[in-house]
Structures are given as C-alpha cells and as structure tokens.
PDB file of N, CA and C in Angstrom:
ATOM      1  N   MET A   1     -31.724   5.102 -73.161  1.00  0.00           N
ATOM      2  CA  MET A   1     -32.594   5.785 -71.958  1.00  0.00           C
ATOM      3  C   MET A   1     -31.648   4.264 -70.994  1.00  0.00           C
ATOM      4  N   ILE A   2     -31.687   5.151 -69.784  1.00  0.00           N
ATOM      5  CA  ILE A   2     -31.884   4.763 -68.234  1.00  0.00           C
ATOM      6  C   ILE A   2     -32.377   4.526 -67.380  1.00  0.00           C
ATOM      7  N   VAL A   3     -32.178   3.237 -66.960  1.00  0.00           N
ATOM      8  CA  VAL A   3     -33.502   2.247 -66.677  1.00  0.00           C
ATOM      9  C   VAL A   3     -33.346   2.358 -64.898  1.00  0.00           C
ATOM     10  N   GLY A   4     -32.243   2.645 -64.416  1.00  0.00           N
ATOM     11  CA  GLY A   4     -31.632   2.402 -62.786  1.00  0.00           C
ATOM     12  C   GLY A   4     -30.262   2.604 -62.307  1.00  0.00           C
ATOM     13  N   VAL A   5     -30.519   3.006 -61.020  1.00  0.00           N
ATOM     14  CA  VAL A   5     -28.868   4.085 -61.035  1.00  0.00           C
ATOM     15  C   VAL A   5     -28.928   3.588 -59.520  1.00  0.00           C
ATOM     16  N   GLY A   6     -27.523   2.938 -58.963  1.00  0.00           N
ATOM     17  CA  GLY A   6     -27.386   2.607 -57.550  1.00  0.00           C
ATOM     18  C   GLY A   6     -25.586   3.321 -57.467  1.00  0.00           C
ATOM     19  N   ILE A   7     -26.104   3.640 -55.865  1.00  0.00           N
ATOM     20  CA  ILE A   7     -25.056   3.806 -55.938  1.00  0.00           C
ATOM     21  C   ILE A   7     -24.607   2.825 -53.708  1.00  0.00           C
ATOM     22  N   ASP A   8     -23.218   2.951 -53.535  1.00  0.00           N
ATOM     23  CA  ASP A   8     -23.470   2.578 -51.897  1.00  0.00           C
ATOM     24  C   ASP A   8     -22.423   2.980 -52.003  1.00  0.00           C
ATOM     25  N   VAL A   9     -21.810   3.063 -50.267  1.00  0.00           N
ATOM     26  CA  VAL A   9     -20.332   3.685 -50.348  1.00  0.00           C
ATOM     27  C   VAL A   9     -20.436   2.678 -48.804  1.00  0.00           C
ATOM     28  N   VAL A  10     -19.084   2.395 -48.197  1.00  0.00           N
ATOM     29  CA  VAL A  10     -18.656   1.729 -46.970  1.00  0.00           C
ATOM     30  C   VAL A  10     -17.403   1.376 -46.548  1.00  0.00           C
ATOM     31  N   ASP A  11     -17.739   1.558 -45.255  1.00  0.00           N
ATOM     32  CA  ASP A  11     -16.792   2.255 -44.667  1.00  0.00           C
ATOM     33  C   ASP A  11     -15.579   0.404 -44.533  1.00  0.00           C
ATOM     34  N   VAL A  12     -15.119   0.635 -44.936  1.00  0.00           N
ATOM     35  CA  VAL A  12     -13.814  -0.150 -45.339  1.00  0.00           C
ATOM     36  C   VAL A  12     -12.772  -1.210 -43.444  1.00  0.00           C
ATOM     37  N   ALA A  13     -12.854  -0.677 -42.912  1.00  0.00           N
ATOM     38  CA  ALA A  13     -12.110  -1.157 -41.158  1.00  0.00           C
ATOM     39  C   ALA A  13     -13.768  -1.646 -41.237  1.00  0.00           C
ATOM     40  N   ARG A  14     -14.920  -0.906 -40.941  1.00  0.00           N
ATOM     41  CA  ARG A  14     -15.978  -1.771 -41.111  1.00  0.00           C
ATOM     42  C   ARG A  14     -16.463  -3.271 -41.685  1.00  0.00           C
ATOM     43  N   PHE A  15     -16.209  -3.051 -42.786  1.00  0.00           N
ATOM     44  CA  PHE A  15     -16.699  -4.220 -44.081  1.00  0.00           C
ATOM     45  C   PHE A  15     -15.450  -5.728 -43.580  1.00  0.00           C
ATOM     46  N   VAL A  16     -14.198  -4.825 -43.106  1.00  0.00           N
ATOM     47  CA  VAL A  16     -12.885  -5.631 -43.039  1.00  0.00           C
ATOM     48  C   VAL A  16     -13.618  -6.687 -41.265  1.00  0.00           C
ATOM     49  N   SER A  17     -13.686  -5.736 -40.651  1.00  0.00           N
ATOM     50  CA  SER A  17     -14.523  -6.551 -38.997  1.00  0.00           C
ATOM     51  C   SER A  17     -15.145  -7.113 -39.107  1.00  0.00           C
ATOM     52  N   THR A  18     -16.161  -7.588 -39.694  1.00  0.00           N
ATOM     53  CA  THR A  18     -17.305  -8.182 -40.179  1.00  0.00           C
ATOM     54  C   THR A  18     -16.745  -8.807 -40.673  1.00  0.00           C
ATOM     55  N   LEU A  19     -15.872  -9.271 -42.140  1.00  0.00           N
ATOM     56  CA  LEU A  19     -15.106 -10.605 -42.923  1.00  0.00           C
ATOM     57  C   LEU A  19     -14.832 -11.795 -41.830  1.00  0.00           C
ATOM     58  N   THR A  20     -14.388 -10.718 -40.447  1.00  0.00           N
ATOM     59  CA  THR A  20     -12.872 -11.539 -39.793  1.00  0.00           C
ATOM     60  C   THR A  20     -13.895 -11.853 -38.884  1.00  0.00           C
ATOM     61  N   ARG A  21     -15.012 -11.396 -38.195  1.00  0.00           N
ATOM     62  CA  ARG A  21     -15.523 -11.259 -37.174  1.00  0.00           C
ATOM     63  C   ARG A  21     -16.350 -12.856 -37.988  1.00  0.00           C
ATOM     64  N   ALA A  22     -17.185 -12.825 -39.327  1.00  0.00           N
ATOM     65  CA  ALA A  22     -17.713 -13.833 -40.269  1.00  0.00           C
ATOM     66  C   ALA A  22     -17.006 -14.890 -41.544  1.00  0.00           C
ATOM     67  N   PRO A  23     -16.029 -15.586 -41.059  1.00  0.00           N
ATOM     68  CA  PRO A  23     -15.536 -15.769 -42.352  1.00  0.00           C
ATOM     69  C   PRO A  23     -16.138 -16.251 -43.086  1.00  0.00           C
ATOM     70  N   ARG A  24     -16.234 -17.158 -43.038  1.00  0.00           N
ATOM     71  CA  ARG A  24     -17.306 -17.559 -44.552  1.00  0.00           C
ATOM     72  C   ARG A  24     -18.239 -16.743 -45.422  1.00  0.00           C
ATOM     73  N   LEU A  25     -18.287 -15.467 -44.382  1.00  0.00           N
ATOM     74  CA  LEU A  25     -19.421 -14.179 -44.980  1.00  0.00           C
ATOM     75  C   LEU A  25     -18.197 -14.173 -46.331  1.00  0.00           C
ATOM     76  N   ARG A  26     -16.512 -14.456 -46.702  1.00  0.00           N
ATOM     77  CA  ARG A  26     -16.106 -13.540 -47.459  1.00  0.00           C
ATOM     78  C   ARG A  26     -16.803 -14.729 -48.972  1.00  0.00           C
ATOM     79  N   ALA A  27     -16.669 -15.652 -49.022  1.00  0.00           N
ATOM     80  CA  ALA A  27     -17.159 -16.674 -49.898  1.00  0.00           C
ATOM     81  C   ALA A  27     -18.616 -16.871 -49.936  1.00  0.00           C
ATOM     82  N   ARG A  28     -19.965 -16.126 -49.598  1.00  0.00           N
ATOM     83  CA  ARG A  28     -20.776 -16.079 -49.646  1.00  0.00           C
ATOM     84  C   ARG A  28     -21.040 -14.619 -50.825  1.00  0.00           C
ATOM     85  N   LEU A  29     -20.385 -14.424 -50.805  1.00  0.00           N
ATOM     86  CA  LEU A  29     -20.608 -12.913 -51.324  1.00  0.00           C
ATOM     87  C   LEU A  29     -19.746 -12.743 -52.430  1.00  0.00           C
ATOM     88  N   PHE A  30     -18.322 -13.286 -52.314  1.00  0.00           N
ATOM     89  CA  PHE A  30     -17.209 -13.291 -53.250  1.00  0.00           C
ATOM     90  C   PHE A  30     -17.421 -14.189 -54.184  1.00  0.00           C
ATOM     91  N   THR A  31     -17.323 -13.915 -55.291  1.00  0.00           N
ATOM     92  CA  THR A  31     -17.356 -15.379 -56.138  1.00  0.00           C
ATOM     93  C   THR A  31     -15.568 -15.746 -56.299  1.00  0.00           C
ATOM     94  N   PRO A  32     -15.048 -16.570 -56.911  1.00  0.00           N
ATOM     95  CA  PRO A  32     -13.620 -17.105 -56.690  1.00  0.00           C
ATOM     96  C   PRO A  32     -12.848 -16.120 -57.352  1.00  0.00           C
ATOM     97  N   GLU A  33     -13.305 -15.933 -58.579  1.00  0.00           N
ATOM     98  CA  GLU A  33     -12.243 -14.726 -58.821  1.00  0.00           C
ATOM     99  C   GLU A  33     -12.179 -13.082 -58.114  1.00  0.00           C
ATOM    100  N   GLU A  34     -12.897 -12.742 -57.016  1.00  0.00           N
ATOM    101  CA  GLU A  34     -13.312 -11.967 -56.249  1.00  0.00           C
ATOM    102  C   GLU A  34     -12.010 -11.840 -55.257  1.00  0.00           C
ATOM    103  N   ARG A  35     -12.410 -13.103 -54.176  1.00  0.00           N
ATOM    104  CA  ARG A  35     -11.861 -13.381 -53.098  1.00  0.00           C
ATOM    105  C   ARG A  35     -10.388 -13.477 -52.331  1.00  0.00           C
ATOM    106  N   ASP A  36     -10.018 -13.242 -53.274  1.00  0.00           N
ATOM    107  CA  ASP A  36      -8.331 -13.052 -53.056  1.00  0.00           C
ATOM    108  C   ASP A  36      -8.438 -11.404 -52.835  1.00  0.00           C
ATOM    109  N   LEU A  37      -8.619 -10.603 -53.673  1.00  0.00           N
ATOM    110  CA  LEU A  37      -8.322  -9.160 -53.686  1.00  0.00           C
ATOM    111  C   LEU A  37      -7.678  -8.800 -52.341  1.00  0.00           C
ATOM    112  N   PRO A  38      -7.358  -6.936 -52.292  1.00  0.00           N
ATOM    113  CA  PRO A  38      -7.171  -6.745 -50.954  1.00  0.00           C
ATOM    114  C   PRO A  38      -8.378  -5.859 -50.276  1.00  0.00           C
ATOM    115  N   ASP A  39      -8.248  -6.251 -49.594  1.00  0.00           N
ATOM    116  CA  ASP A  39      -9.572  -5.633 -48.010  1.00  0.00           C
ATOM    117  C   ASP A  39     -10.730  -3.962 -48.894  1.00  0.00           C
ATOM    118  N   GLN A  40      -9.901  -2.875 -49.589  1.00  0.00           N
ATOM    119  CA  GLN A  40     -10.646  -2.190 -50.078  1.00  0.00           C
ATOM    120  C   GLN A  40     -11.357  -2.592 -51.559  1.00  0.00           C
ATOM    121  N   SER A  41     -10.445  -3.068 -51.849  1.00  0.00           N
ATOM    122  CA  SER A  41     -11.320  -3.727 -53.302  1.00  0.00           C
ATOM    123  C   SER A  41     -12.319  -4.665 -52.707  1.00  0.00           C
ATOM    124  N   LEU A  42     -12.104  -5.174 -52.175  1.00  0.00           N
ATOM    125  CA  LEU A  42     -13.386  -6.301 -51.753  1.00  0.00           C
ATOM    126  C   LEU A  42     -14.651  -5.247 -50.790  1.00  0.00           C
ATOM    127  N   ALA A  43     -13.974  -4.148 -50.677  1.00  0.00           N
ATOM    128  CA  ALA A  43     -15.194  -3.423 -50.034  1.00  0.00           C
ATOM    129  C   ALA A  43     -16.311  -2.839 -51.504  1.00  0.00           C
ATOM    130  N   ALA A  44     -14.734  -2.370 -51.971  1.00  0.00           N
ATOM    131  CA  ALA A  44     -15.652  -1.892 -53.222  1.00  0.00           C
ATOM    132  C   ALA A  44     -16.450  -2.907 -54.418  1.00  0.00           C
ATOM    133  N   ARG A  45     -16.223  -3.711 -54.398  1.00  0.00           N
ATOM    134  CA  ARG A  45     -16.713  -4.854 -54.776  1.00  0.00           C
ATOM    135  C   ARG A  45     -18.321  -5.049 -54.624  1.00  0.00           C
ATOM    136  N   PHE A  46     -18.345  -5.271 -52.860  1.00  0.00           N
ATOM    137  CA  PHE A  46     -20.085  -4.862 -52.271  1.00  0.00           C
ATOM    138  C   PHE A  46     -19.974  -3.914 -52.458  1.00  0.00           C
ATOM    139  N   ALA A  47     -19.884  -2.568 -52.529  1.00  0.00           N
ATOM    140  CA  ALA A  47     -20.323  -2.001 -52.633  1.00  0.00           C
ATOM    141  C   ALA A  47     -21.217  -1.401 -54.079  1.00  0.00           C
ATOM    142  N   ALA A  48     -20.657  -2.551 -55.040  1.00  0.00           N
ATOM    143  CA  ALA A  48     -20.897  -2.288 -56.148  1.00  0.00           C
ATOM    144  C   ALA A  48     -21.971  -3.351 -56.825  1.00  0.00           C
ATOM    145  N   LYS A  49     -22.052  -4.766 -55.717  1.00  0.00           N
ATOM    146  CA  LYS A  49     -23.295  -5.321 -55.649  1.00  0.00           C
ATOM    147  C   LYS A  49     -24.796  -4.779 -55.660  1.00  0.00           C
ATOM    148  N   GLU A  50     -23.702  -4.166 -54.536  1.00  0.00           N
ATOM    149  CA  GLU A  50     -25.513  -3.262 -53.640  1.00  0.00           C
ATOM    150  C   GLU A  50     -25.862  -2.011 -55.070  1.00  0.00           C
ATOM    151  N   ALA A  51     -24.589  -1.676 -55.142  1.00  0.00           N
ATOM    152  CA  ALA A  51     -25.141  -0.386 -56.284  1.00  0.00           C
ATOM    153  C   ALA A  51     -26.014  -0.920 -57.384  1.00  0.00           C
ATOM    154  N   VAL A  52     -25.252  -2.499 -57.844  1.00  0.00           N
ATOM    155  CA  VAL A  52     -26.239  -3.015 -59.044  1.00  0.00           C
ATOM    156  C   VAL A  52     -27.501  -3.768 -57.973  1.00  0.00           C
ATOM    157  N   ALA A  53     -27.918  -3.832 -56.948  1.00  0.00           N
ATOM    158  CA  ALA A  53     -29.631  -4.678 -56.643  1.00  0.00           C
ATOM    159  C   ALA A  53     -30.338  -3.632 -56.858  1.00  0.00           C
ATOM    160  N   LYS A  54     -29.373  -2.042 -56.377  1.00  0.00           N
ATOM    161  CA  LYS A  54     -30.257  -1.174 -56.515  1.00  0.00           C
ATOM    162  C   LYS A  54     -30.345  -0.989 -57.727  1.00  0.00           C
ATOM    163  N   ALA A  55     -29.987  -0.387 -58.647  1.00  0.00           N
ATOM    164  CA  ALA A  55     -30.010   0.026 -60.479  1.00  0.00           C
ATOM    165  C   ALA A  55     -30.806  -1.250 -60.058  1.00  0.00           C
ATOM    166  N   LEU A  56     -31.824  -1.835 -60.086  1.00  0.00           N
ATOM    167  CA  LEU A  56     -32.508  -2.920 -60.700  1.00  0.00           C
ATOM    168  C   LEU A  56     -33.670  -2.678 -60.061  1.00  0.00           C
ATOM    169  N   GLY A  57     -33.512  -2.206 -58.818  1.00  0.00           N
ATOM    170  CA  GLY A  57     -34.782  -2.136 -57.752  1.00  0.00           C
ATOM    171  C   GLY A  57     -34.720  -2.738 -56.754  1.00  0.00           C
ATOM    172  N   ALA A  58     -33.675  -3.266 -56.216  1.00  0.00           N
ATOM    173  CA  ALA A  58     -33.583  -3.891 -55.256  1.00  0.00           C
ATOM    174  C   ALA A  58     -34.437  -5.266 -54.827  1.00  0.00           C
ATOM    175  N   PRO A  59     -34.886  -5.886 -56.065  1.00  0.00           N
ATOM    176  CA  PRO A  59     -35.401  -7.539 -55.814  1.00  0.00           C
ATOM    177  C   PRO A  59     -34.900  -8.310 -54.512  1.00  0.00           C
ATOM    178  N   GLY A  60     -35.477  -9.072 -53.978  1.00  0.00           N
ATOM    179  CA  GLY A  60     -34.691  -9.481 -52.336  1.00  0.00           C
ATOM    180  C   GLY A  60     -34.793 -10.925 -53.231  1.00  0.00           C
ATOM    181  N   ASP A  61     -34.163 -10.970 -54.226  1.00  0.00           N
ATOM    182  CA  ASP A  61     -34.418 -12.908 -54.371  1.00  0.00           C
ATOM    183  C   ASP A  61     -32.783 -12.827 -55.957  1.00  0.00           C
ATOM    184  N   LEU A  62     -32.498 -11.726 -55.596  1.00  0.00           N
ATOM    185  CA  LEU A  62     -30.832 -12.017 -56.528  1.00  0.00           C
ATOM    186  C   LEU A  62     -29.447 -12.577 -55.143  1.00  0.00           C
ATOM    187  N   ARG A  63     -29.055 -13.177 -56.234  1.00  0.00           N
ATOM    188  CA  ARG A  63     -28.144 -13.622 -55.739  1.00  0.00           C
ATOM    189  C   ARG A  63     -26.533 -12.885 -55.801  1.00  0.00           C
ATOM    190  N   TRP A  64     -26.098 -12.829 -54.936  1.00  0.00           N
ATOM    191  CA  TRP A  64     -24.320 -12.816 -54.313  1.00  0.00           C
ATOM    192  C   TRP A  64     -23.762 -12.880 -55.549  1.00  0.00           C
ATOM    193  N   HIS A  65     -23.197 -14.180 -55.906  1.00  0.00           N
ATOM    194  CA  HIS A  65     -22.116 -14.390 -57.081  1.00  0.00           C
ATOM    195  C   HIS A  65     -22.969 -14.794 -58.395  1.00  0.00           C
ATOM    196  N   ASP A  66     -24.527 -13.964 -58.341  1.00  0.00           N
ATOM    197  CA  ASP A  66     -24.857 -14.093 -60.031  1.00  0.00           C
ATOM    198  C   ASP A  66     -24.072 -12.351 -60.661  1.00  0.00           C
ATOM    199  N   CYS A  67     -23.616 -11.907 -59.962  1.00  0.00           N
ATOM    200  CA  CYS A  67     -22.371 -10.477 -60.024  1.00  0.00           C
ATOM    201  C   CYS A  67     -21.416 -10.894 -59.680  1.00  0.00           C
ATOM    202  N   THR A  68     -20.035 -10.530 -60.912  1.00  0.00           N
ATOM    203  CA  THR A  68     -18.658 -10.262 -60.659  1.00  0.00           C
ATOM    204  C   THR A  68     -18.365  -8.907 -61.103  1.00  0.00           C
ATOM    205  N   VAL A  69     -17.822  -8.573 -60.146  1.00  0.00           N
ATOM    206  CA  VAL A  69     -16.261  -7.430 -60.516  1.00  0.00           C
ATOM    207  C   VAL A  69     -15.270  -8.182 -61.490  1.00  0.00           C
ATOM    208  N   LEU A  70     -15.272  -7.479 -62.392  1.00  0.00           N
ATOM    209  CA  LEU A  70     -14.179  -7.973 -63.548  1.00  0.00           C
ATOM    210  C   LEU A  70     -12.600  -6.676 -63.469  1.00  0.00           C
ATOM    211  N   ARG A  71     -11.582  -6.854 -63.651  1.00  0.00           N
ATOM    212  CA  ARG A  71     -10.689  -5.928 -63.929  1.00  0.00           C
ATOM    213  C   ARG A  71     -10.727  -5.807 -64.860  1.00  0.00           C
ATOM    214  N   THR A  72      -9.882  -5.313 -65.642  1.00  0.00           N
ATOM    215  CA  THR A  72      -9.384  -5.234 -66.654  1.00  0.00           C
ATOM    216  C   THR A  72      -7.897  -3.775 -67.074  1.00  0.00           C
ATOM    217  N   PRO A  73      -6.882  -5.074 -67.156  1.00  0.00           N
ATOM    218  CA  PRO A  73      -6.212  -4.154 -67.014  1.00  0.00           C
ATOM    219  C   PRO A  73      -5.801  -2.766 -68.061  1.00  0.00           C
ATOM    220  N   GLY A  74      -5.394  -1.559 -67.771  1.00  0.00           N
ATOM    221  CA  GLY A  74      -5.768  -0.132 -67.644  1.00  0.00           C
ATOM    222  C   GLY A  74      -7.473   0.259 -68.507  1.00  0.00           C
ATOM    223  N   GLY A  75      -8.175  -0.556 -67.961  1.00  0.00           N
ATOM    224  CA  GLY A  75      -9.576  -0.236 -68.388  1.00  0.00           C
ATOM    225  C   GLY A  75     -10.432  -0.336 -67.435  1.00  0.00           C
ATOM    226  N   PRO A  76     -11.550   0.271 -67.768  1.00  0.00           N
ATOM    227  CA  PRO A  76     -12.270   0.438 -66.157  1.00  0.00           C
ATOM    228  C   PRO A  76     -12.561  -0.848 -66.040  1.00  0.00           C
ATOM    229  N   PRO A  77     -13.201  -1.149 -64.216  1.00  0.00           N
ATOM    230  CA  PRO A  77     -13.747  -2.086 -63.672  1.00  0.00           C
ATOM    231  C   PRO A  77     -15.258  -2.411 -64.734  1.00  0.00           C
ATOM    232  N   GLU A  78     -16.062  -4.113 -65.568  1.00  0.00           N
ATOM    233  CA  GLU A  78     -16.923  -4.030 -65.644  1.00  0.00           C
ATOM    234  C   GLU A  78     -17.536  -5.070 -64.709  1.00  0.00           C
ATOM    235  N   LEU A  79     -18.825  -5.177 -64.742  1.00  0.00           N
ATOM    236  CA  LEU A  79     -20.020  -6.106 -64.786  1.00  0.00           C
ATOM    237  C   LEU A  79     -20.169  -7.554 -65.310  1.00  0.00           C
ATOM    238  N   GLN A  80     -19.878  -8.290 -64.829  1.00  0.00           N
ATOM    239  CA  GLN A  80     -20.653  -9.659 -65.601  1.00  0.00           C
ATOM    240  C   GLN A  80     -21.500 -10.380 -63.869  1.00  0.00           C
ATOM    241  N   ILE A  81     -22.581 -10.487 -65.060  1.00  0.00           N
ATOM    242  CA  ILE A  81     -24.145 -10.502 -64.310  1.00  0.00           C
ATOM    243  C   ILE A  81     -24.482 -12.288 -65.417  1.00  0.00           C
ATOM    244  N   THR A  82     -24.929 -12.549 -64.109  1.00  0.00           N
ATOM    245  CA  THR A  82     -25.440 -14.247 -64.144  1.00  0.00           C
ATOM    246  C   THR A  82     -26.899 -14.339 -63.820  1.00  0.00           C
ATOM    247  N   GLY A  83     -27.078 -15.877 -63.919  1.00  0.00           N
ATOM    248  CA  GLY A  83     -28.052 -16.107 -62.759  1.00  0.00           C
ATOM    249  C   GLY A  83     -29.433 -14.702 -62.545  1.00  0.00           C
ATOM    250  N   THR A  84     -29.391 -14.524 -61.632  1.00  0.00           N
ATOM    251  CA  THR A  84     -30.777 -14.061 -61.033  1.00  0.00           C
ATOM    252  C   THR A  84     -30.244 -12.245 -61.734  1.00  0.00           C
ATOM    253  N   VAL A  85     -29.398 -11.875 -61.699  1.00  0.00           N
ATOM    254  CA  VAL A  85     -29.216 -10.691 -61.978  1.00  0.00           C
ATOM    255  C   VAL A  85     -29.501 -10.600 -63.102  1.00  0.00           C
ATOM    256  N   ALA A  86     -28.807 -11.551 -63.792  1.00  0.00           N
ATOM    257  CA  ALA A  86     -28.880 -11.278 -65.019  1.00  0.00           C
ATOM    258  C   ALA A  86     -30.442 -11.489 -66.210  1.00  0.00           C
ATOM    259  N   ALA A  87     -31.220 -12.130 -65.238  1.00  0.00           N
ATOM    260  CA  ALA A  87     -32.871 -12.518 -65.088  1.00  0.00           C
ATOM    261  C   ALA A  87     -33.464 -11.138 -64.958  1.00  0.00           C
ATOM    262  N   ARG A  88     -33.033 -10.666 -64.029  1.00  0.00           N
ATOM    263  CA  ARG A  88     -33.679  -9.318 -64.029  1.00  0.00           C
ATOM    264  C   ARG A  88     -33.295  -8.335 -65.049  1.00  0.00           C
ATOM    265  N   ALA A  89     -32.194  -8.357 -64.914  1.00  0.00           N
ATOM    266  CA  ALA A  89     -31.556  -7.332 -65.757  1.00  0.00           C
ATOM    267  C   ALA A  89     -32.022  -7.494 -67.104  1.00  0.00           C
ATOM    268  N   GLU A  90     -32.900  -8.442 -67.579  1.00  0.00           N
ATOM    269  CA  GLU A  90     -33.377  -8.921 -69.132  1.00  0.00           C
ATOM    270  C   GLU A  90     -35.065  -8.260 -68.815  1.00  0.00           C
ATOM    271  N   ALA A  91     -35.737  -8.766 -67.946  1.00  0.00           N
ATOM    272  CA  ALA A  91     -36.554  -8.477 -67.621  1.00  0.00           C
ATOM    273  C   ALA A  91     -37.093  -6.624 -68.054  1.00  0.00           C
ATOM    274  N   LEU A  92     -35.712  -5.780 -67.241  1.00  0.00           N
ATOM    275  CA  LEU A  92     -35.792  -4.439 -67.554  1.00  0.00           C
ATOM    276  C   LEU A  92     -35.706  -4.316 -68.817  1.00  0.00           C
ATOM    277  N   GLY A  93     -34.909  -4.973 -69.782  1.00  0.00           N
ATOM    278  CA  GLY A  93     -34.725  -5.128 -71.392  1.00  0.00           C
ATOM    279  C   GLY A  93     -33.191  -3.925 -70.535  1.00  0.00           C
ATOM    280  N   ILE A  94     -32.708  -4.502 -69.985  1.00  0.00           N
ATOM    281  CA  ILE A  94     -31.532  -3.647 -70.006  1.00  0.00           C
ATOM    282  C   ILE A  94     -30.284  -4.389 -70.552  1.00  0.00           C
ATOM    283  N   THR A  95     -29.832  -3.574 -71.491  1.00  0.00           N
ATOM    284  CA  THR A  95     -28.776  -3.916 -72.358  1.00  0.00           C
ATOM    285  C   THR A  95     -26.785  -3.656 -71.564  1.00  0.00           C
ATOM    286  N   THR A  96     -27.341  -2.923 -71.563  1.00  0.00           N
ATOM    287  CA  THR A  96     -25.552  -1.607 -70.777  1.00  0.00           C
ATOM    288  C   THR A  96     -25.464  -1.444 -69.423  1.00  0.00           C
ATOM    289  N   TRP A  97     -24.413  -1.567 -68.648  1.00  0.00           N
ATOM    290  CA  TRP A  97     -23.945  -1.408 -67.449  1.00  0.00           C
ATOM    291  C   TRP A  97     -22.438  -0.324 -67.770  1.00  0.00           C
ATOM    292  N   HIS A  98     -22.757   0.384 -66.854  1.00  0.00           N
ATOM    293  CA  HIS A  98     -22.520   1.415 -66.665  1.00  0.00           C
ATOM    294  C   HIS A  98     -21.590   1.215 -65.020  1.00  0.00           C
ATOM    295  N   LEU A  99     -19.959   1.472 -64.534  1.00  0.00           N
ATOM    296  CA  LEU A  99     -19.429   1.111 -62.818  1.00  0.00           C
ATOM    297  C   LEU A  99     -18.663   2.139 -63.010  1.00  0.00           C
ATOM    298  N   SER A 100     -18.640   2.831 -61.673  1.00  0.00           N
ATOM    299  CA  SER A 100     -17.314   3.676 -61.083  1.00  0.00           C
ATOM    300  C   SER A 100     -16.722   2.991 -60.057  1.00  0.00           C
ATOM    301  N   LEU A 101     -15.555   2.250 -59.562  1.00  0.00           N
ATOM    302  CA  LEU A 101     -15.520   2.240 -58.377  1.00  0.00           C
ATOM    303  C   LEU A 101     -14.646   3.327 -57.500  1.00  0.00           C
ATOM    304  N   SER A 102     -14.304   3.759 -56.519  1.00  0.00           N
ATOM    305  CA  SER A 102     -13.536   4.203 -55.742  1.00  0.00           C
ATOM    306  C   SER A 102     -13.415   3.991 -54.399  1.00  0.00           C
ATOM    307  N   HIS A 103     -12.639   4.228 -53.772  1.00  0.00           N
ATOM    308  CA  HIS A 103     -11.396   4.263 -52.164  1.00  0.00           C
ATOM    309  C   HIS A 103     -10.281   4.615 -51.920  1.00  0.00           C
ATOM    310  N   ASP A 104     -11.283   5.584 -51.022  1.00  0.00           N
ATOM    311  CA  ASP A 104     -10.239   6.746 -50.387  1.00  0.00           C
ATOM    312  C   ASP A 104     -10.762   6.577 -48.720  1.00  0.00           C
ATOM    313  N   ALA A 105      -9.891   7.207 -47.707  1.00  0.00           N
ATOM    314  CA  ALA A 105      -9.733   7.809 -46.638  1.00  0.00           C
ATOM    315  C   ALA A 105     -10.730   7.160 -45.911  1.00  0.00           C
ATOM    316  N   GLY A 106     -10.359   5.367 -46.280  1.00  0.00           N
ATOM    317  CA  GLY A 106     -10.874   4.220 -45.739  1.00  0.00           C
ATOM    318  C   GLY A 106     -12.296   4.294 -45.929  1.00  0.00           C
ATOM    319  N   ILE A 107     -13.106   4.499 -46.781  1.00  0.00           N
ATOM    320  CA  ILE A 107     -14.364   4.879 -47.402  1.00  0.00           C
ATOM    321  C   ILE A 107     -14.328   3.977 -49.247  1.00  0.00           C
ATOM    322  N   ALA A 108     -14.821   2.949 -49.432  1.00  0.00           N
ATOM    323  CA  ALA A 108     -15.633   2.310 -51.086  1.00  0.00           C
ATOM    324  C   ALA A 108     -16.631   3.208 -51.157  1.00  0.00           C
ATOM    325  N   SER A 109     -17.069   3.210 -52.653  1.00  0.00           N
ATOM    326  CA  SER A 109     -18.150   3.372 -53.019  1.00  0.00           C
ATOM    327  C   SER A 109     -18.005   2.780 -54.325  1.00  0.00           C
ATOM    328  N   ALA A 110     -18.826   2.839 -55.216  1.00  0.00           N
ATOM    329  CA  ALA A 110     -19.408   2.734 -56.510  1.00  0.00           C
ATOM    330  C   ALA A 110     -20.541   3.452 -56.543  1.00  0.00           C
ATOM    331  N   VAL A 111     -21.429   3.163 -58.008  1.00  0.00           N
ATOM    332  CA  VAL A 111     -22.116   4.046 -58.532  1.00  0.00           C
ATOM    333  C   VAL A 111     -22.341   2.776 -60.114  1.00  0.00           C
ATOM    334  N   VAL A 112     -23.671   2.349 -60.393  1.00  0.00           N
ATOM    335  CA  VAL A 112     -23.970   1.270 -61.341  1.00  0.00           C
ATOM    336  C   VAL A 112     -25.163   2.479 -61.786  1.00  0.00           C
ATOM    337  N   ILE A 113     -25.082   2.418 -63.388  1.00  0.00           N
ATOM    338  CA  ILE A 113     -26.363   2.897 -64.077  1.00  0.00           C
ATOM    339  C   ILE A 113     -26.363   1.792 -65.088  1.00  0.00           C
ATOM    340  N   ALA A 114     -27.492   1.425 -65.147  1.00  0.00           N
ATOM    341  CA  ALA A 114     -28.328   0.451 -65.900  1.00  0.00           C
ATOM    342  C   ALA A 114     -29.246   0.582 -67.298  1.00  0.00           C
ATOM    343  N   GLU A 115     -28.511   0.993 -67.966  1.00  0.00           N
ATOM    344  CA  GLU A 115     -29.494   1.378 -69.538  1.00  0.00           C
ATOM    345  C   GLU A 115     -29.698   0.179 -70.679  1.00  0.00           C
ATOM    346  N   ARG A 116     -31.119   0.290 -71.180  1.00  0.00           N
ATOM    347  CA  ARG A 116     -31.612  -0.390 -72.369  1.00  0.00           C
ATOM    348  C   ARG A 116     -31.556   0.132 -73.238  1.00  0.00           C
TER     349      ARG A 116
END
C-alpha cells in the first residue's frame, strides 16, 4: 500500500550558485558519500531528499544527513535512511522505498514512493 509520494525539481544552475555563495551548505545538506559528486548529481540528490520529506508528510524535524542517496552499479539509486527519517518512516509503517532521479536541460528531478 502506498503511504506517500513526493516529487521535487531543482534548477541545477541556481542550486550550484547557492552552493557557491554558501560553501558550508554542501556539508550541511550532503553526507560524505554524496559531497564530491558532480553538480547535477548533487542537485538530483537534493531533489530526492526533498521528495522523501514530502512522502513522509513534510515534518519539520527531519535532518538532511539522515537520508543518503546511494549509487548502485548497474542498478537504480537507493535510499539509506537513519535517525529522524527512519523514525518517521517507522511511525508510518514504511517498509519499501522507490526512487527515480533524472537530470536534463538544466533541471534535476526526483520522485519518491513510500510503501508499507
């Protein structure tokens, strides 16, 4: 059963400009596994984290580092959730996540489906 759906889009150039103006933001938003990825991949991961929050009902207490988007060689991206994100998912009975990322023409997007 689907518990939540989240979608988000990010203008890559605008996102990169923000990271350039506020360099500490990269460390605040992304886990060490994510930080050194190319700009469009970072924008897609930011969109994924926003989509996860929306799928969870957008509670205000989620921490950015409690959600990591992992690359799987030859497979789809995966979510690794811990802490505040895992607690909210458990409270909602979420056991399965589906994630789709895309970036093209200067836009990064993510769709997340949460199931129990």
